[in-house]
Amino acid sequence: MSIVAAKPYKSVYCVENIDASVDAHKLISFVSSLGVRVFLCFEVKPRMSARQRLHGITPSHKTFRLCINRADNNTLLQSDS
């Protein structure tokens, strides 16, 4: 019988309104510098209102899906970060 470590719990965040020059690697680097363990980070389509879609407005910002270790939630969500 072997003992295997349990998978760490994760939290998933939608990080919106990020400057268009930022990519996933830059975001991971920033979040990691706060002491947060990042499992996964990738760009997703920004949310848009019905009015924006109707008028063909393209967003000038980026949105990311960020998965971190749940134990680091408080570190990520500190207001001074």
N, C-alpha and C. Protein backbone atom coordinates (compact mmCIF):
# COMPACT_ATOMS: atom_id res chain seq x y z
N MET A 1 0.84 -1.17 0.00
CA MET A 1 0.00 0.00 0.00
C MET A 1 0.89 1.24 0.00
N SER A 2 0.61 2.16 -0.90
CA SER A 2 1.40 3.39 -0.94
C SER A 2 0.53 4.57 -0.52
N ILE A 3 1.16 5.53 0.05
CA ILE A 3 0.45 6.74 0.49
C ILE A 3 0.78 7.85 -0.48
N VAL A 4 -0.26 8.49 -0.98
CA VAL A 4 -0.09 9.56 -1.96
C VAL A 4 -0.64 10.85 -1.36
N ALA A 5 0.07 11.93 -1.56
CA ALA A 5 -0.39 13.23 -1.04
C ALA A 5 -1.64 13.66 -1.79
N ALA A 6 -2.54 14.27 -1.05
CA ALA A 6 -3.77 14.77 -1.66
C ALA A 6 -3.46 15.99 -2.52
N LYS A 7 -4.27 16.19 -3.54
CA LYS A 7 -4.11 17.36 -4.38
C LYS A 7 -4.50 18.59 -3.57
N PRO A 8 -3.75 19.68 -3.71
CA PRO A 8 -4.12 20.89 -2.98
C PRO A 8 -5.41 21.47 -3.57
N TYR A 9 -6.20 22.07 -2.71
CA TYR A 9 -7.42 22.71 -3.17
C TYR A 9 -7.04 23.97 -3.92
N LYS A 10 -7.85 24.32 -4.91
CA LYS A 10 -7.55 25.51 -5.69
C LYS A 10 -8.72 26.48 -5.67
N SER A 11 -8.41 27.73 -5.89
CA SER A 11 -9.40 28.78 -6.07
C SER A 11 -9.21 29.34 -7.46
N VAL A 12 -10.32 29.69 -8.10
CA VAL A 12 -10.27 30.21 -9.46
C VAL A 12 -10.82 31.63 -9.45
N TYR A 13 -10.07 32.53 -10.05
CA TYR A 13 -10.46 33.94 -10.11
C TYR A 13 -10.52 34.42 -11.55
N CYS A 14 -11.41 35.36 -11.79
CA CYS A 14 -11.47 36.08 -13.05
C CYS A 14 -10.80 37.42 -12.79
N VAL A 15 -9.68 37.66 -13.44
CA VAL A 15 -8.93 38.90 -13.25
C VAL A 15 -9.19 39.75 -14.48
N GLU A 16 -9.95 40.84 -14.28
CA GLU A 16 -10.40 41.66 -15.42
C GLU A 16 -9.74 43.03 -15.44
N ASN A 17 -9.93 43.70 -16.56
CA ASN A 17 -9.49 45.08 -16.76
C ASN A 17 -7.98 45.21 -16.62
N ILE A 18 -7.27 44.28 -17.24
CA ILE A 18 -5.81 44.27 -17.22
C ILE A 18 -5.32 44.93 -18.51
N ASP A 19 -4.28 45.73 -18.41
CA ASP A 19 -3.72 46.42 -19.57
C ASP A 19 -3.42 45.43 -20.70
N ALA A 20 -3.65 45.86 -21.91
CA ALA A 20 -3.49 44.98 -23.08
C ALA A 20 -2.05 44.52 -23.29
N SER A 21 -1.08 45.21 -22.69
CA SER A 21 0.33 44.81 -22.86
C SER A 21 0.73 43.64 -21.95
N VAL A 22 -0.13 43.28 -21.01
CA VAL A 22 0.17 42.20 -20.06
C VAL A 22 -0.21 40.85 -20.66
N ASP A 23 0.68 39.87 -20.53
CA ASP A 23 0.35 38.51 -20.95
C ASP A 23 0.30 37.61 -19.72
N ALA A 24 -0.02 36.35 -19.92
CA ALA A 24 -0.17 35.42 -18.80
C ALA A 24 1.12 35.29 -18.00
N HIS A 25 2.27 35.28 -18.67
CA HIS A 25 3.55 35.13 -17.96
C HIS A 25 3.80 36.32 -17.03
N LYS A 26 3.47 37.52 -17.48
CA LYS A 26 3.66 38.71 -16.64
C LYS A 26 2.73 38.66 -15.43
N LEU A 27 1.50 38.23 -15.64
CA LEU A 27 0.55 38.14 -14.53
C LEU A 27 0.99 37.08 -13.52
N ILE A 28 1.43 35.93 -14.01
CA ILE A 28 1.94 34.88 -13.13
C ILE A 28 3.13 35.40 -12.33
N SER A 29 4.03 36.11 -12.98
CA SER A 29 5.20 36.65 -12.30
C SER A 29 4.80 37.62 -11.20
N PHE A 30 3.83 38.50 -11.49
CA PHE A 30 3.38 39.46 -10.48
C PHE A 30 2.73 38.75 -9.30
N VAL A 31 1.80 37.84 -9.58
CA VAL A 31 1.08 37.15 -8.51
C VAL A 31 2.05 36.30 -7.69
N SER A 32 2.98 35.66 -8.34
CA SER A 32 3.99 34.85 -7.63
C SER A 32 4.86 35.71 -6.73
N SER A 33 5.15 36.95 -7.16
CA SER A 33 5.98 37.85 -6.36
C SER A 33 5.29 38.25 -5.05
N LEU A 34 3.97 38.08 -5.01
CA LEU A 34 3.21 38.35 -3.78
C LEU A 34 3.28 37.18 -2.80
N GLY A 35 3.84 36.06 -3.25
CA GLY A 35 3.92 34.87 -2.42
C GLY A 35 2.76 33.91 -2.66
N VAL A 36 2.06 34.08 -3.76
CA VAL A 36 0.91 33.24 -4.10
C VAL A 36 1.37 32.13 -5.04
N ARG A 37 0.97 30.90 -4.75
CA ARG A 37 1.32 29.77 -5.60
C ARG A 37 0.29 29.64 -6.72
N VAL A 38 0.74 29.84 -7.96
CA VAL A 38 -0.15 29.81 -9.13
C VAL A 38 -0.10 28.43 -9.76
N PHE A 39 -1.29 27.84 -9.97
CA PHE A 39 -1.39 26.56 -10.67
C PHE A 39 -1.51 26.77 -12.17
N LEU A 40 -2.32 27.75 -12.56
CA LEU A 40 -2.65 27.93 -13.97
C LEU A 40 -3.11 29.36 -14.19
N CYS A 41 -2.79 29.91 -15.34
CA CYS A 41 -3.25 31.25 -15.70
C CYS A 41 -3.32 31.31 -17.22
N PHE A 42 -4.47 31.74 -17.73
CA PHE A 42 -4.58 31.89 -19.18
C PHE A 42 -5.59 32.98 -19.52
N GLU A 43 -5.42 33.55 -20.72
CA GLU A 43 -6.28 34.63 -21.17
C GLU A 43 -7.63 34.08 -21.64
N VAL A 44 -8.69 34.82 -21.32
CA VAL A 44 -10.04 34.48 -21.77
C VAL A 44 -10.65 35.72 -22.42
N LYS A 45 -11.78 35.54 -23.08
CA LYS A 45 -12.45 36.68 -23.69
C LYS A 45 -13.02 37.59 -22.61
N PRO A 46 -12.80 38.90 -22.75
CA PRO A 46 -13.36 39.83 -21.76
C PRO A 46 -14.89 39.81 -21.78
N ARG A 47 -15.48 40.03 -20.63
CA ARG A 47 -16.92 40.13 -20.54
C ARG A 47 -17.36 41.43 -21.21
N MET A 48 -18.49 41.37 -21.88
CA MET A 48 -19.01 42.56 -22.56
C MET A 48 -20.50 42.67 -22.30
N SER A 49 -20.97 43.90 -22.17
CA SER A 49 -22.41 44.12 -22.00
C SER A 49 -23.11 43.91 -23.33
N ALA A 50 -24.42 43.75 -23.28
CA ALA A 50 -25.21 43.59 -24.50
C ALA A 50 -25.04 44.81 -25.40
N ARG A 51 -24.97 45.99 -24.80
CA ARG A 51 -24.79 47.23 -25.58
C ARG A 51 -23.46 47.21 -26.31
N GLN A 52 -22.41 46.78 -25.66
CA GLN A 52 -21.10 46.72 -26.30
C GLN A 52 -21.11 45.74 -27.47
N ARG A 53 -21.71 44.58 -27.26
CA ARG A 53 -21.79 43.59 -28.34
C ARG A 53 -22.62 44.11 -29.50
N LEU A 54 -23.73 44.76 -29.19
CA LEU A 54 -24.63 45.28 -30.22
C LEU A 54 -23.94 46.32 -31.09
N HIS A 55 -23.12 47.16 -30.48
CA HIS A 55 -22.45 48.23 -31.22
C HIS A 55 -21.06 47.83 -31.71
N GLY A 56 -20.68 46.59 -31.54
CA GLY A 56 -19.40 46.09 -32.05
C GLY A 56 -18.19 46.70 -31.37
N ILE A 57 -18.35 47.10 -30.12
CA ILE A 57 -17.23 47.69 -29.39
C ILE A 57 -16.26 46.58 -28.97
N THR A 58 -14.99 46.77 -29.30
CA THR A 58 -13.99 45.79 -28.90
C THR A 58 -13.29 46.29 -27.64
N PRO A 59 -13.11 45.44 -26.67
CA PRO A 59 -12.48 45.87 -25.41
C PRO A 59 -11.01 46.21 -25.61
N SER A 60 -10.54 47.17 -24.85
CA SER A 60 -9.13 47.59 -24.94
C SER A 60 -8.32 47.01 -23.78
N HIS A 61 -8.88 46.03 -23.09
CA HIS A 61 -8.20 45.41 -21.96
C HIS A 61 -8.24 43.89 -22.11
N LYS A 62 -7.56 43.21 -21.20
CA LYS A 62 -7.53 41.75 -21.21
C LYS A 62 -8.17 41.20 -19.94
N THR A 63 -8.57 39.94 -20.03
CA THR A 63 -9.14 39.22 -18.89
C THR A 63 -8.44 37.86 -18.79
N PHE A 64 -8.16 37.42 -17.56
CA PHE A 64 -7.46 36.16 -17.35
C PHE A 64 -8.22 35.29 -16.35
N ARG A 65 -8.06 34.00 -16.51
CA ARG A 65 -8.51 33.03 -15.51
C ARG A 65 -7.28 32.64 -14.73
N LEU A 66 -7.35 32.81 -13.42
CA LEU A 66 -6.20 32.57 -12.55
C LEU A 66 -6.57 31.52 -11.52
N CYS A 67 -5.84 30.42 -11.50
CA CYS A 67 -6.06 29.34 -10.53
C CYS A 67 -4.88 29.33 -9.56
N ILE A 68 -5.20 29.46 -8.26
CA ILE A 68 -4.16 29.50 -7.24
C ILE A 68 -4.44 28.49 -6.15
N ASN A 69 -3.45 28.25 -5.30
CA ASN A 69 -3.63 27.41 -4.14
C ASN A 69 -4.59 28.12 -3.19
N ARG A 70 -5.63 27.42 -2.75
CA ARG A 70 -6.65 28.02 -1.89
C ARG A 70 -6.06 28.60 -0.61
N ALA A 71 -4.98 28.02 -0.13
CA ALA A 71 -4.35 28.50 1.09
C ALA A 71 -3.79 29.92 0.92
N ASP A 72 -3.63 30.37 -0.32
CA ASP A 72 -3.06 31.70 -0.60
C ASP A 72 -4.12 32.76 -0.90
N ASN A 73 -5.40 32.43 -0.69
CA ASN A 73 -6.47 33.39 -0.99
C ASN A 73 -6.27 34.72 -0.27
N ASN A 74 -6.01 34.68 1.03
CA ASN A 74 -5.87 35.92 1.79
C ASN A 74 -4.71 36.75 1.29
N THR A 75 -3.63 36.12 0.90
CA THR A 75 -2.47 36.84 0.38
C THR A 75 -2.83 37.57 -0.91
N LEU A 76 -3.53 36.88 -1.80
CA LEU A 76 -3.91 37.49 -3.08
C LEU A 76 -4.89 38.64 -2.89
N LEU A 77 -5.81 38.47 -1.95
CA LEU A 77 -6.89 39.44 -1.79
C LEU A 77 -6.58 40.59 -0.84
N GLN A 78 -5.36 40.71 -0.37
CA GLN A 78 -5.00 41.84 0.48
C GLN A 78 -5.11 43.14 -0.34
N SER A 79 -5.73 44.15 0.26
CA SER A 79 -5.98 45.39 -0.47
C SER A 79 -4.70 46.13 -0.87
N ASP A 80 -3.61 45.95 -0.15
CA ASP A 80 -2.38 46.64 -0.51
C ASP A 80 -1.63 45.96 -1.65
N SER A 81 -2.08 44.80 -2.09
CA SER A 81 -1.48 44.11 -3.22
C SER A 81 -1.98 44.70 -4.51
